[in-house]
Amino acid sequence: MYLHECGDWNWQRFRFINMGNGGEVMIKLDDWSNRCWERDRRRVLLNDCDRDNTLQRWIAHNGTFVEGPFELTQRKFTQQCITSDHHPKERELVELHVCEFTRGPESRSALWGLHERSN
């Protein structure tokens, strides 16, 4: 996946689908498709949603989905967080990186949060 400037398009909105397993969620594209975020080694892809696919289950590490900010990772891979290589910019690749390297005082690129939609 790549970063893109925010707009009012459905393909830029996602839903957290609670899986009921200690805070695990599936992250589903909020449009007519049935596509969810899935880990493929370091890459993050969109694939058909599959509740049984553990590679599509994410947790809010060092925070919560409700209050944010949080690091987005997976239960068995909490050392890897979804982020860009450095400060986010347009069309930059978003993938899994070692969380420890994204936690420096000058880097907050691995922190995610919820943004309310304004009408």
PDB file of N, CA and C in Angstrom:
ATOM      1  N   MET A   1       0.839  -1.173   0.000  1.00  0.00           N
ATOM      2  CA  MET A   1       0.000   0.000   0.000  1.00  0.00           C
ATOM      3  C   MET A   1       0.887   1.240   0.000  1.00  0.00           C
ATOM      4  N   TYR A   2       0.289   2.322  -0.483  1.00  0.00           N
ATOM      5  CA  TYR A   2       1.010   3.588  -0.566  1.00  0.00           C
ATOM      6  C   TYR A   2       0.199   4.689   0.104  1.00  0.00           C
ATOM      7  N   LEU A   3       0.905   5.685   0.628  1.00  0.00           N
ATOM      8  CA  LEU A   3       0.237   6.844   1.213  1.00  0.00           C
ATOM      9  C   LEU A   3      -0.304   7.736   0.104  1.00  0.00           C
ATOM     10  N   HIS A   4      -1.430   8.360   0.398  1.00  0.00           N
ATOM     11  CA  HIS A   4      -2.038   9.282  -0.550  1.00  0.00           C
ATOM     12  C   HIS A   4      -2.705  10.400   0.235  1.00  0.00           C
ATOM     13  N   GLU A   5      -2.727  11.584  -0.327  1.00  0.00           N
ATOM     14  CA  GLU A   5      -3.374  12.715   0.347  1.00  0.00           C
ATOM     15  C   GLU A   5      -4.833  12.375   0.627  1.00  0.00           C
ATOM     16  N   CYS A   6      -5.289  12.739   1.816  1.00  0.00           N
ATOM     17  CA  CYS A   6      -6.664  12.427   2.221  1.00  0.00           C
ATOM     18  C   CYS A   6      -7.679  13.133   1.337  1.00  0.00           C
ATOM     19  N   GLY A   7      -8.725  12.416   1.027  1.00  0.00           N
ATOM     20  CA  GLY A   7      -9.834  12.949   0.259  1.00  0.00           C
ATOM     21  C   GLY A   7     -11.122  12.341   0.770  1.00  0.00           C
ATOM     22  N   ASP A   8     -12.186  12.523   0.052  1.00  0.00           N
ATOM     23  CA  ASP A   8     -13.479  12.015   0.479  1.00  0.00           C
ATOM     24  C   ASP A   8     -13.898  10.827  -0.383  1.00  0.00           C
ATOM     25  N   TRP A   9     -12.969   9.919  -0.630  1.00  0.00           N
ATOM     26  CA  TRP A   9     -13.237   8.754  -1.458  1.00  0.00           C
ATOM     27  C   TRP A   9     -13.398   7.527  -0.576  1.00  0.00           C
ATOM     28  N   ASN A  10     -14.321   6.652  -0.945  1.00  0.00           N
ATOM     29  CA  ASN A  10     -14.542   5.434  -0.165  1.00  0.00           C
ATOM     30  C   ASN A  10     -13.296   4.567  -0.082  1.00  0.00           C
ATOM     31  N   TRP A  11     -12.506   4.532  -1.142  1.00  0.00           N
ATOM     32  CA  TRP A  11     -11.316   3.687  -1.131  1.00  0.00           C
ATOM     33  C   TRP A  11     -10.249   4.184  -0.163  1.00  0.00           C
ATOM     34  N   GLN A  12     -10.464   5.351   0.462  1.00  0.00           N
ATOM     35  CA  GLN A  12      -9.533   5.846   1.472  1.00  0.00           C
ATOM     36  C   GLN A  12     -10.060   5.635   2.890  1.00  0.00           C
ATOM     37  N   ARG A  13     -11.238   5.058   3.021  1.00  0.00           N
ATOM     38  CA  ARG A  13     -11.813   4.833   4.351  1.00  0.00           C
ATOM     39  C   ARG A  13     -11.789   3.345   4.668  1.00  0.00           C
ATOM     40  N   PHE A  14     -11.572   3.061   5.945  1.00  0.00           N
ATOM     41  CA  PHE A  14     -11.496   1.683   6.399  1.00  0.00           C
ATOM     42  C   PHE A  14     -12.356   1.499   7.637  1.00  0.00           C
ATOM     43  N   ARG A  15     -12.784   0.272   7.859  1.00  0.00           N
ATOM     44  CA  ARG A  15     -13.536  -0.089   9.063  1.00  0.00           C
ATOM     45  C   ARG A  15     -12.727  -1.100   9.851  1.00  0.00           C
ATOM     46  N   PHE A  16     -12.734  -0.930  11.164  1.00  0.00           N
ATOM     47  CA  PHE A  16     -12.145  -1.932  12.048  1.00  0.00           C
ATOM     48  C   PHE A  16     -13.247  -2.919  12.400  1.00  0.00           C
ATOM     49  N   ILE A  17     -13.080  -4.171  12.029  1.00  0.00           N
ATOM     50  CA  ILE A  17     -14.047  -5.210  12.333  1.00  0.00           C
ATOM     51  C   ILE A  17     -13.519  -6.002  13.521  1.00  0.00           C
ATOM     52  N   ASN A  18     -14.179  -5.864  14.667  1.00  0.00           N
ATOM     53  CA  ASN A  18     -13.744  -6.512  15.900  1.00  0.00           C
ATOM     54  C   ASN A  18     -13.841  -8.019  15.756  1.00  0.00           C
ATOM     55  N   MET A  19     -12.742  -8.715  16.029  1.00  0.00           N
ATOM     56  CA  MET A  19     -12.713 -10.172  15.921  1.00  0.00           C
ATOM     57  C   MET A  19     -12.953 -10.845  17.269  1.00  0.00           C
ATOM     58  N   GLY A  20     -13.035 -10.059  18.346  1.00  0.00           N
ATOM     59  CA  GLY A  20     -13.327 -10.615  19.660  1.00  0.00           C
ATOM     60  C   GLY A  20     -12.194 -11.403  20.287  1.00  0.00           C
ATOM     61  N   ASN A  21     -11.014 -11.327  19.748  1.00  0.00           N
ATOM     62  CA  ASN A  21      -9.857 -12.048  20.291  1.00  0.00           C
ATOM     63  C   ASN A  21      -8.864 -11.069  20.897  1.00  0.00           C
ATOM     64  N   GLY A  22      -9.103 -10.612  22.094  1.00  0.00           N
ATOM     65  CA  GLY A  22      -8.152  -9.730  22.756  1.00  0.00           C
ATOM     66  C   GLY A  22      -7.824  -8.472  21.985  1.00  0.00           C
ATOM     67  N   GLY A  23      -8.816  -7.890  21.336  1.00  0.00           N
ATOM     68  CA  GLY A  23      -8.605  -6.634  20.633  1.00  0.00           C
ATOM     69  C   GLY A  23      -8.197  -6.765  19.186  1.00  0.00           C
ATOM     70  N   GLU A  24      -8.173  -7.958  18.648  1.00  0.00           N
ATOM     71  CA  GLU A  24      -7.836  -8.121  17.233  1.00  0.00           C
ATOM     72  C   GLU A  24      -8.955  -7.585  16.349  1.00  0.00           C
ATOM     73  N   VAL A  25      -8.550  -6.957  15.250  1.00  0.00           N
ATOM     74  CA  VAL A  25      -9.508  -6.458  14.260  1.00  0.00           C
ATOM     75  C   VAL A  25      -9.061  -6.864  12.868  1.00  0.00           C
ATOM     76  N   MET A  26     -10.023  -6.872  11.974  1.00  0.00           N
ATOM     77  CA  MET A  26      -9.720  -6.911  10.546  1.00  0.00           C
ATOM     78  C   MET A  26      -9.919  -5.472  10.074  1.00  0.00           C
ATOM     79  N   ILE A  27      -9.104  -5.025   9.129  1.00  0.00           N
ATOM     80  CA  ILE A  27      -9.220  -3.668   8.604  1.00  0.00           C
ATOM     81  C   ILE A  27      -9.762  -3.792   7.187  1.00  0.00           C
ATOM     82  N   LYS A  28     -11.030  -3.407   7.030  1.00  0.00           N
ATOM     83  CA  LYS A  28     -11.758  -3.595   5.782  1.00  0.00           C
ATOM     84  C   LYS A  28     -11.923  -2.280   5.047  1.00  0.00           C
ATOM     85  N   LEU A  29     -11.673  -2.309   3.752  1.00  0.00           N
ATOM     86  CA  LEU A  29     -11.922  -1.160   2.899  1.00  0.00           C
ATOM     87  C   LEU A  29     -13.407  -0.820   2.980  1.00  0.00           C
ATOM     88  N   ASP A  30     -13.730   0.450   3.176  1.00  0.00           N
ATOM     89  CA  ASP A  30     -15.119   0.877   3.390  1.00  0.00           C
ATOM     90  C   ASP A  30     -15.767   1.252   2.061  1.00  0.00           C
ATOM     91  N   ASP A  31     -15.908   0.264   1.190  1.00  0.00           N
ATOM     92  CA  ASP A  31     -16.580   0.476  -0.088  1.00  0.00           C
ATOM     93  C   ASP A  31     -17.364  -0.783  -0.429  1.00  0.00           C
ATOM     94  N   TRP A  32     -17.742  -0.955  -1.639  1.00  0.00           N
ATOM     95  CA  TRP A  32     -18.546  -2.092  -2.074  1.00  0.00           C
ATOM     96  C   TRP A  32     -17.764  -3.396  -2.132  1.00  0.00           C
ATOM     97  N   SER A  33     -16.447  -3.325  -2.121  1.00  0.00           N
ATOM     98  CA  SER A  33     -15.630  -4.538  -2.224  1.00  0.00           C
ATOM     99  C   SER A  33     -15.564  -5.253  -0.873  1.00  0.00           C
ATOM    100  N   ASN A  34     -15.009  -6.404  -0.878  1.00  0.00           N
ATOM    101  CA  ASN A  34     -14.799  -7.178   0.341  1.00  0.00           C
ATOM    102  C   ASN A  34     -13.301  -7.373   0.515  1.00  0.00           C
ATOM    103  N   ARG A  35     -12.568  -6.258   0.622  1.00  0.00           N
ATOM    104  CA  ARG A  35     -11.103  -6.292   0.673  1.00  0.00           C
ATOM    105  C   ARG A  35     -10.608  -5.847   2.042  1.00  0.00           C
ATOM    106  N   CYS A  36      -9.631  -6.606   2.573  1.00  0.00           N
ATOM    107  CA  CYS A  36      -9.052  -6.321   3.892  1.00  0.00           C
ATOM    108  C   CYS A  36      -7.533  -6.245   3.799  1.00  0.00           C
ATOM    109  N   TRP A  37      -6.943  -5.542   4.784  1.00  0.00           N
ATOM    110  CA  TRP A  37      -5.494  -5.467   4.871  1.00  0.00           C
ATOM    111  C   TRP A  37      -4.958  -6.851   5.217  1.00  0.00           C
ATOM    112  N   GLU A  38      -3.863  -7.230   4.548  1.00  0.00           N
ATOM    113  CA  GLU A  38      -3.234  -8.514   4.817  1.00  0.00           C
ATOM    114  C   GLU A  38      -1.720  -8.358   4.770  1.00  0.00           C
ATOM    115  N   ARG A  39      -1.048  -9.012   5.715  1.00  0.00           N
ATOM    116  CA  ARG A  39       0.418  -8.974   5.757  1.00  0.00           C
ATOM    117  C   ARG A  39       0.971 -10.051   4.835  1.00  0.00           C
ATOM    118  N   ASP A  40       1.954  -9.673   4.027  1.00  0.00           N
ATOM    119  CA  ASP A  40       2.691 -10.608   3.191  1.00  0.00           C
ATOM    120  C   ASP A  40       4.168 -10.287   3.393  1.00  0.00           C
ATOM    121  N   ARG A  41       4.776 -10.963   4.349  1.00  0.00           N
ATOM    122  CA  ARG A  41       6.124 -10.646   4.818  1.00  0.00           C
ATOM    123  C   ARG A  41       6.141  -9.208   5.322  1.00  0.00           C
ATOM    124  N   ARG A  42       6.836  -8.300   4.654  1.00  0.00           N
ATOM    125  CA  ARG A  42       6.866  -6.897   5.088  1.00  0.00           C
ATOM    126  C   ARG A  42       5.788  -6.066   4.414  1.00  0.00           C
ATOM    127  N   ARG A  43       5.224  -6.560   3.334  1.00  0.00           N
ATOM    128  CA  ARG A  43       4.248  -5.783   2.575  1.00  0.00           C
ATOM    129  C   ARG A  43       2.866  -5.849   3.229  1.00  0.00           C
ATOM    130  N   VAL A  44       2.070  -4.836   2.961  1.00  0.00           N
ATOM    131  CA  VAL A  44       0.665  -4.810   3.366  1.00  0.00           C
ATOM    132  C   VAL A  44      -0.148  -4.698   2.084  1.00  0.00           C
ATOM    133  N   LEU A  45      -1.006  -5.684   1.860  1.00  0.00           N
ATOM    134  CA  LEU A  45      -1.787  -5.766   0.636  1.00  0.00           C
ATOM    135  C   LEU A  45      -3.276  -5.732   0.956  1.00  0.00           C
ATOM    136  N   LEU A  46      -4.087  -5.523  -0.058  1.00  0.00           N
ATOM    137  CA  LEU A  46      -5.530  -5.686   0.065  1.00  0.00           C
ATOM    138  C   LEU A  46      -5.908  -7.003  -0.602  1.00  0.00           C
ATOM    139  N   ASN A  47      -6.558  -7.881   0.154  1.00  0.00           N
ATOM    140  CA  ASN A  47      -7.023  -9.155  -0.369  1.00  0.00           C
ATOM    141  C   ASN A  47      -8.453  -9.387   0.096  1.00  0.00           C
ATOM    142  N   ASP A  48      -9.117 -10.364  -0.514  1.00  0.00           N
ATOM    143  CA  ASP A  48     -10.475 -10.691  -0.086  1.00  0.00           C
ATOM    144  C   ASP A  48     -10.486 -10.986   1.406  1.00  0.00           C
ATOM    145  N   CYS A  49     -11.447 -10.400   2.121  1.00  0.00           N
ATOM    146  CA  CYS A  49     -11.556 -10.600   3.567  1.00  0.00           C
ATOM    147  C   CYS A  49     -11.823 -12.064   3.873  1.00  0.00           C
ATOM    148  N   ASP A  50     -11.105 -12.573   4.869  1.00  0.00           N
ATOM    149  CA  ASP A  50     -11.245 -13.965   5.291  1.00  0.00           C
ATOM    150  C   ASP A  50     -11.068 -14.003   6.802  1.00  0.00           C
ATOM    151  N   ARG A  51     -12.158 -14.189   7.533  1.00  0.00           N
ATOM    152  CA  ARG A  51     -12.134 -14.178   9.002  1.00  0.00           C
ATOM    153  C   ARG A  51     -11.169 -15.212   9.585  1.00  0.00           C
ATOM    154  N   ASP A  52     -10.860 -16.260   8.846  1.00  0.00           N
ATOM    155  CA  ASP A  52      -9.971 -17.310   9.341  1.00  0.00           C
ATOM    156  C   ASP A  52      -8.500 -17.052   9.027  1.00  0.00           C
ATOM    157  N   ASN A  53      -8.213 -16.011   8.282  1.00  0.00           N
ATOM    158  CA  ASN A  53      -6.846 -15.699   7.876  1.00  0.00           C
ATOM    159  C   ASN A  53      -6.182 -14.834   8.950  1.00  0.00           C
ATOM    160  N   THR A  54      -5.253 -15.420   9.713  1.00  0.00           N
ATOM    161  CA  THR A  54      -4.594 -14.671  10.792  1.00  0.00           C
ATOM    162  C   THR A  54      -3.714 -13.540  10.260  1.00  0.00           C
ATOM    163  N   LEU A  55      -3.326 -13.593   8.991  1.00  0.00           N
ATOM    164  CA  LEU A  55      -2.524 -12.517   8.414  1.00  0.00           C
ATOM    165  C   LEU A  55      -3.363 -11.269   8.166  1.00  0.00           C
ATOM    166  N   GLN A  56      -4.671 -11.358   8.342  1.00  0.00           N
ATOM    167  CA  GLN A  56      -5.563 -10.204   8.208  1.00  0.00           C
ATOM    168  C   GLN A  56      -6.013  -9.662   9.569  1.00  0.00           C
ATOM    169  N   ARG A  57      -5.439 -10.163  10.638  1.00  0.00           N
ATOM    170  CA  ARG A  57      -5.812  -9.713  11.984  1.00  0.00           C
ATOM    171  C   ARG A  57      -4.735  -8.789  12.537  1.00  0.00           C
ATOM    172  N   TRP A  58      -5.189  -7.640  13.039  1.00  0.00           N
ATOM    173  CA  TRP A  58      -4.281  -6.586  13.492  1.00  0.00           C
ATOM    174  C   TRP A  58      -4.628  -6.197  14.928  1.00  0.00           C
ATOM    175  N   ILE A  59      -3.628  -5.668  15.635  1.00  0.00           N
ATOM    176  CA  ILE A  59      -3.863  -5.162  16.989  1.00  0.00           C
ATOM    177  C   ILE A  59      -3.307  -3.749  17.104  1.00  0.00           C
ATOM    178  N   ALA A  60      -3.864  -3.022  18.065  1.00  0.00           N
ATOM    179  CA  ALA A  60      -3.348  -1.694  18.414  1.00  0.00           C
ATOM    180  C   ALA A  60      -2.330  -1.911  19.525  1.00  0.00           C
ATOM    181  N   HIS A  61      -1.058  -1.849  19.192  1.00  0.00           N
ATOM    182  CA  HIS A  61       0.031  -2.069  20.140  1.00  0.00           C
ATOM    183  C   HIS A  61       0.425  -0.732  20.756  1.00  0.00           C
ATOM    184  N   ASN A  62       0.683  -0.717  22.054  1.00  0.00           N
ATOM    185  CA  ASN A  62       1.053   0.515  22.767  1.00  0.00           C
ATOM    186  C   ASN A  62      -0.003   1.607  22.595  1.00  0.00           C
ATOM    187  N   GLY A  63      -1.255   1.236  22.683  1.00  0.00           N
ATOM    188  CA  GLY A  63      -2.373   2.171  22.558  1.00  0.00           C
ATOM    189  C   GLY A  63      -3.654   1.386  22.331  1.00  0.00           C
ATOM    190  N   THR A  64      -4.707   2.080  21.920  1.00  0.00           N
ATOM    191  CA  THR A  64      -5.975   1.408  21.637  1.00  0.00           C
ATOM    192  C   THR A  64      -6.586   1.979  20.369  1.00  0.00           C
ATOM    193  N   PHE A  65      -7.438   1.179  19.732  1.00  0.00           N
ATOM    194  CA  PHE A  65      -8.147   1.649  18.542  1.00  0.00           C
ATOM    195  C   PHE A  65      -9.126   2.764  18.904  1.00  0.00           C
ATOM    196  N   VAL A  66      -9.576   2.788  20.148  1.00  0.00           N
ATOM    197  CA  VAL A  66     -10.584   3.760  20.564  1.00  0.00           C
ATOM    198  C   VAL A  66      -9.974   5.133  20.817  1.00  0.00           C
ATOM    199  N   GLU A  67      -8.828   5.165  21.473  1.00  0.00           N
ATOM    200  CA  GLU A  67      -8.262   6.451  21.878  1.00  0.00           C
ATOM    201  C   GLU A  67      -7.070   6.892  21.045  1.00  0.00           C
ATOM    202  N   GLY A  68      -6.321   5.979  20.479  1.00  0.00           N
ATOM    203  CA  GLY A  68      -5.151   6.337  19.687  1.00  0.00           C
ATOM    204  C   GLY A  68      -4.282   7.365  20.398  1.00  0.00           C
ATOM    205  N   PRO A  69      -3.091   7.632  19.984  1.00  0.00           N
ATOM    206  CA  PRO A  69      -2.411   6.948  18.892  1.00  0.00           C
ATOM    207  C   PRO A  69      -1.994   5.530  19.290  1.00  0.00           C
ATOM    208  N   PHE A  70      -1.699   4.721  18.299  1.00  0.00           N
ATOM    209  CA  PHE A  70      -1.309   3.337  18.522  1.00  0.00           C
ATOM    210  C   PHE A  70      -0.387   2.889  17.396  1.00  0.00           C
ATOM    211  N   GLU A  71       0.336   1.815  17.670  1.00  0.00           N
ATOM    212  CA  GLU A  71       1.131   1.168  16.635  1.00  0.00           C
ATOM    213  C   GLU A  71       0.288   0.037  16.071  1.00  0.00           C
ATOM    214  N   LEU A  72       0.267  -0.107  14.781  1.00  0.00           N
ATOM    215  CA  LEU A  72      -0.529  -1.130  14.115  1.00  0.00           C
ATOM    216  C   LEU A  72       0.369  -2.318  13.793  1.00  0.00           C
ATOM    217  N   THR A  73       0.050  -3.459  14.402  1.00  0.00           N
ATOM    218  CA  THR A  73       0.892  -4.640  14.272  1.00  0.00           C
ATOM    219  C   THR A  73       0.035  -5.893  14.400  1.00  0.00           C
ATOM    220  N   GLN A  74       0.677  -7.048  14.433  1.00  0.00           N
ATOM    221  CA  GLN A  74      -0.033  -8.314  14.606  1.00  0.00           C
ATOM    222  C   GLN A  74       0.458  -9.014  15.859  1.00  0.00           C
ATOM    223  N   ARG A  75      -0.440  -9.805  16.466  1.00  0.00           N
ATOM    224  CA  ARG A  75      -0.155 -10.422  17.760  1.00  0.00           C
ATOM    225  C   ARG A  75       1.172 -11.194  17.780  1.00  0.00           C
ATOM    226  N   LYS A  76       1.470 -11.978  16.790  1.00  0.00           N
ATOM    227  CA  LYS A  76       2.707 -12.769  16.795  1.00  0.00           C
ATOM    228  C   LYS A  76       3.893 -12.027  16.192  1.00  0.00           C
ATOM    229  N   PHE A  77       3.678 -10.786  15.783  1.00  0.00           N
ATOM    230  CA  PHE A  77       4.744 -10.002  15.147  1.00  0.00           C
ATOM    231  C   PHE A  77       4.796  -8.596  15.733  1.00  0.00           C
ATOM    232  N   THR A  78       4.681  -8.459  17.055  1.00  0.00           N
ATOM    233  CA  THR A  78       4.613  -7.132  17.677  1.00  0.00           C
ATOM    234  C   THR A  78       5.914  -6.349  17.545  1.00  0.00           C
ATOM    235  N   GLN A  79       6.970  -6.975  17.069  1.00  0.00           N
ATOM    236  CA  GLN A  79       8.217  -6.243  16.832  1.00  0.00           C
ATOM    237  C   GLN A  79       8.195  -5.523  15.488  1.00  0.00           C
ATOM    238  N   GLN A  80       7.143  -5.757  14.681  1.00  0.00           N
ATOM    239  CA  GLN A  80       7.024  -5.122  13.364  1.00  0.00           C
ATOM    240  C   GLN A  80       5.759  -4.267  13.309  1.00  0.00           C
ATOM    241  N   CYS A  81       5.914  -2.986  12.984  1.00  0.00           N
ATOM    242  CA  CYS A  81       4.800  -2.045  12.921  1.00  0.00           C
ATOM    243  C   CYS A  81       4.620  -1.531  11.491  1.00  0.00           C
ATOM    244  N   ILE A  82       3.374  -1.223  11.159  1.00  0.00           N
ATOM    245  CA  ILE A  82       3.101  -0.646   9.843  1.00  0.00           C
ATOM    246  C   ILE A  82       3.492   0.824   9.857  1.00  0.00           C
ATOM    247  N   THR A  83       4.352   1.207   8.928  1.00  0.00           N
ATOM    248  CA  THR A  83       4.809   2.588   8.838  1.00  0.00           C
ATOM    249  C   THR A  83       5.482   2.810   7.484  1.00  0.00           C
ATOM    250  N   SER A  84       5.880   4.029   7.253  1.00  0.00           N
ATOM    251  CA  SER A  84       6.708   4.354   6.089  1.00  0.00           C
ATOM    252  C   SER A  84       8.163   4.376   6.547  1.00  0.00           C
ATOM    253  N   ASP A  85       9.080   4.534   5.612  1.00  0.00           N
ATOM    254  CA  ASP A  85      10.501   4.542   5.968  1.00  0.00           C
ATOM    255  C   ASP A  85      10.897   5.734   6.836  1.00  0.00           C
ATOM    256  N   HIS A  86      10.188   6.841   6.672  1.00  0.00           N
ATOM    257  CA  HIS A  86      10.505   8.055   7.435  1.00  0.00           C
ATOM    258  C   HIS A  86       9.241   8.874   7.527  1.00  0.00           C
ATOM    259  N   HIS A  87       9.340  10.159   7.725  1.00  0.00           N
ATOM    260  CA  HIS A  87       8.135  10.984   7.860  1.00  0.00           C
ATOM    261  C   HIS A  87       7.251  10.796   6.632  1.00  0.00           C
ATOM    262  N   PRO A  88       5.969  10.520   6.838  1.00  0.00           N
ATOM    263  CA  PRO A  88       5.073  10.198   5.717  1.00  0.00           C
ATOM    264  C   PRO A  88       5.008  11.290   4.660  1.00  0.00           C
ATOM    265  N   LYS A  89       5.008  10.857   3.411  1.00  0.00           N
ATOM    266  CA  LYS A  89       4.829  11.778   2.297  1.00  0.00           C
ATOM    267  C   LYS A  89       4.051  11.065   1.193  1.00  0.00           C
ATOM    268  N   GLU A  90       3.506  11.825   0.272  1.00  0.00           N
ATOM    269  CA  GLU A  90       2.677  11.327  -0.826  1.00  0.00           C
ATOM    270  C   GLU A  90       3.367  10.199  -1.599  1.00  0.00           C
ATOM    271  N   ARG A  91       2.616   9.142  -1.886  1.00  0.00           N
ATOM    272  CA  ARG A  91       3.037   7.992  -2.686  1.00  0.00           C
ATOM    273  C   ARG A  91       4.177   7.182  -2.072  1.00  0.00           C
ATOM    274  N   GLU A  92       4.355   7.322  -0.779  1.00  0.00           N
ATOM    275  CA  GLU A  92       5.387   6.547  -0.111  1.00  0.00           C
ATOM    276  C   GLU A  92       4.828   5.179   0.279  1.00  0.00           C
ATOM    277  N   LEU A  93       5.642   4.151   0.140  1.00  0.00           N
ATOM    278  CA  LEU A  93       5.260   2.787   0.467  1.00  0.00           C
ATOM    279  C   LEU A  93       5.052   2.642   1.970  1.00  0.00           C
ATOM    280  N   VAL A  94       3.956   1.986   2.346  1.00  0.00           N
ATOM    281  CA  VAL A  94       3.675   1.673   3.747  1.00  0.00           C
ATOM    282  C   VAL A  94       3.849   0.165   3.891  1.00  0.00           C
ATOM    283  N   GLU A  95       4.708  -0.236   4.820  1.00  0.00           N
ATOM    284  CA  GLU A  95       4.968  -1.651   5.027  1.00  0.00           C
ATOM    285  C   GLU A  95       5.384  -1.882   6.474  1.00  0.00           C
ATOM    286  N   LEU A  96       5.708  -3.102   6.819  1.00  0.00           N
ATOM    287  CA  LEU A  96       6.118  -3.425   8.179  1.00  0.00           C
ATOM    288  C   LEU A  96       7.610  -3.158   8.361  1.00  0.00           C
ATOM    289  N   HIS A  97       7.914  -2.451   9.447  1.00  0.00           N
ATOM    290  CA  HIS A  97       9.293  -2.140   9.820  1.00  0.00           C
ATOM    291  C   HIS A  97       9.487  -2.496  11.289  1.00  0.00           C
ATOM    292  N   VAL A  98      10.716  -2.636  11.716  1.00  0.00           N
ATOM    293  CA  VAL A  98      11.001  -2.915  13.117  1.00  0.00           C
ATOM    294  C   VAL A  98      10.521  -1.731  13.960  1.00  0.00           C
ATOM    295  N   CYS A  99       9.603  -2.003  14.878  1.00  0.00           N
ATOM    296  CA  CYS A  99       8.983  -0.944  15.700  1.00  0.00           C
ATOM    297  C   CYS A  99      10.020  -0.132  16.475  1.00  0.00           C
ATOM    298  N   GLU A 100      10.996  -0.798  17.017  1.00  0.00           N
ATOM    299  CA  GLU A 100      12.005  -0.134  17.834  1.00  0.00           C
ATOM    300  C   GLU A 100      12.654   1.043  17.103  1.00  0.00           C
ATOM    301  N   PHE A 101      12.867   0.901  15.801  1.00  0.00           N
ATOM    302  CA  PHE A 101      13.517   1.953  15.027  1.00  0.00           C
ATOM    303  C   PHE A 101      12.575   3.115  14.720  1.00  0.00           C
ATOM    304  N   THR A 102      11.272   2.928  14.909  1.00  0.00           N
ATOM    305  CA  THR A 102      10.302   3.987  14.625  1.00  0.00           C
ATOM    306  C   THR A 102       9.871   4.721  15.884  1.00  0.00           C
ATOM    307  N   ARG A 103      10.480   4.395  17.023  1.00  0.00           N
ATOM    308  CA  ARG A 103      10.070   4.973  18.306  1.00  0.00           C
ATOM    309  C   ARG A 103      11.007   6.048  18.816  1.00  0.00           C
ATOM    310  N   GLY A 104      11.911   6.525  18.006  1.00  0.00           N
ATOM    311  CA  GLY A 104      12.841   7.558  18.445  1.00  0.00           C
ATOM    312  C   GLY A 104      12.132   8.870  18.705  1.00  0.00           C
ATOM    313  N   PRO A 105      12.801   9.786  19.414  1.00  0.00           N
ATOM    314  CA  PRO A 105      12.171  11.071  19.740  1.00  0.00           C
ATOM    315  C   PRO A 105      11.833  11.911  18.511  1.00  0.00           C
ATOM    316  N   GLU A 106      12.501  11.659  17.402  1.00  0.00           N
ATOM    317  CA  GLU A 106      12.248  12.443  16.194  1.00  0.00           C
ATOM    318  C   GLU A 106      11.326  11.725  15.206  1.00  0.00           C
ATOM    319  N   SER A 107      10.879  10.530  15.559  1.00  0.00           N
ATOM    320  CA  SER A 107      10.040   9.767  14.643  1.00  0.00           C
ATOM    321  C   SER A 107       8.757   9.309  15.324  1.00  0.00           C
ATOM    322  N   ARG A 108       7.646   9.637  14.691  1.00  0.00           N
ATOM    323  CA  ARG A 108       6.349   9.153  15.155  1.00  0.00           C
ATOM    324  C   ARG A 108       5.598   8.552  13.962  1.00  0.00           C
ATOM    325  N   SER A 109       6.348   8.109  12.951  1.00  0.00           N
ATOM    326  CA  SER A 109       5.727   7.658  11.710  1.00  0.00           C
ATOM    327  C   SER A 109       4.933   6.371  11.874  1.00  0.00           C
ATOM    328  N   ALA A 110       5.181   5.585  12.927  1.00  0.00           N
ATOM    329  CA  ALA A 110       4.446   4.335  13.124  1.00  0.00           C
ATOM    330  C   ALA A 110       3.190   4.536  13.956  1.00  0.00           C
ATOM    331  N   LEU A 111       2.924   5.759  14.398  1.00  0.00           N
ATOM    332  CA  LEU A 111       1.734   5.999  15.210  1.00  0.00           C
ATOM    333  C   LEU A 111       0.531   6.298  14.326  1.00  0.00           C
ATOM    334  N   TRP A 112      -0.541   5.588  14.586  1.00  0.00           N
ATOM    335  CA  TRP A 112      -1.793   5.744  13.861  1.00  0.00           C
ATOM    336  C   TRP A 112      -2.830   6.277  14.825  1.00  0.00           C
ATOM    337  N   GLY A 113      -3.889   6.828  14.293  1.00  0.00           N
ATOM    338  CA  GLY A 113      -4.985   7.314  15.124  1.00  0.00           C
ATOM    339  C   GLY A 113      -6.245   7.387  14.304  1.00  0.00           C
ATOM    340  N   LEU A 114      -7.327   7.570  14.994  1.00  0.00           N
ATOM    341  CA  LEU A 114      -8.617   7.667  14.329  1.00  0.00           C
ATOM    342  C   LEU A 114      -8.930   9.107  14.022  1.00  0.00           C
ATOM    343  N   HIS A 115      -9.453   9.344  12.851  1.00  0.00           N
ATOM    344  CA  HIS A 115      -9.839  10.683  12.447  1.00  0.00           C
ATOM    345  C   HIS A 115     -11.315  10.671  12.117  1.00  0.00           C
ATOM    346  N   GLU A 116     -12.042  11.531  12.770  1.00  0.00           N
ATOM    347  CA  GLU A 116     -13.468  11.630  12.497  1.00  0.00           C
ATOM    348  C   GLU A 116     -13.687  12.288  11.153  1.00  0.00           C
ATOM    349  N   ARG A 117     -14.643  11.798  10.431  1.00  0.00           N
ATOM    350  CA  ARG A 117     -14.996  12.378   9.145  1.00  0.00           C
ATOM    351  C   ARG A 117     -15.832  13.621   9.382  1.00  0.00           C
ATOM    352  N   SER A 118     -15.484  14.701   8.746  1.00  0.00           N
ATOM    353  CA  SER A 118     -16.265  15.937   8.876  1.00  0.00           C
ATOM    354  C   SER A 118     -17.090  16.131   7.610  1.00  0.00           C
ATOM    355  N   ASN A 119     -18.317  16.566   7.770  1.00  0.00           N
ATOM    356  CA  ASN A 119     -19.194  16.794   6.624  1.00  0.00           C
ATOM    357  C   ASN A 119     -19.359  18.282   6.352  1.00  0.00           C
TER     358      ASN A 119
END
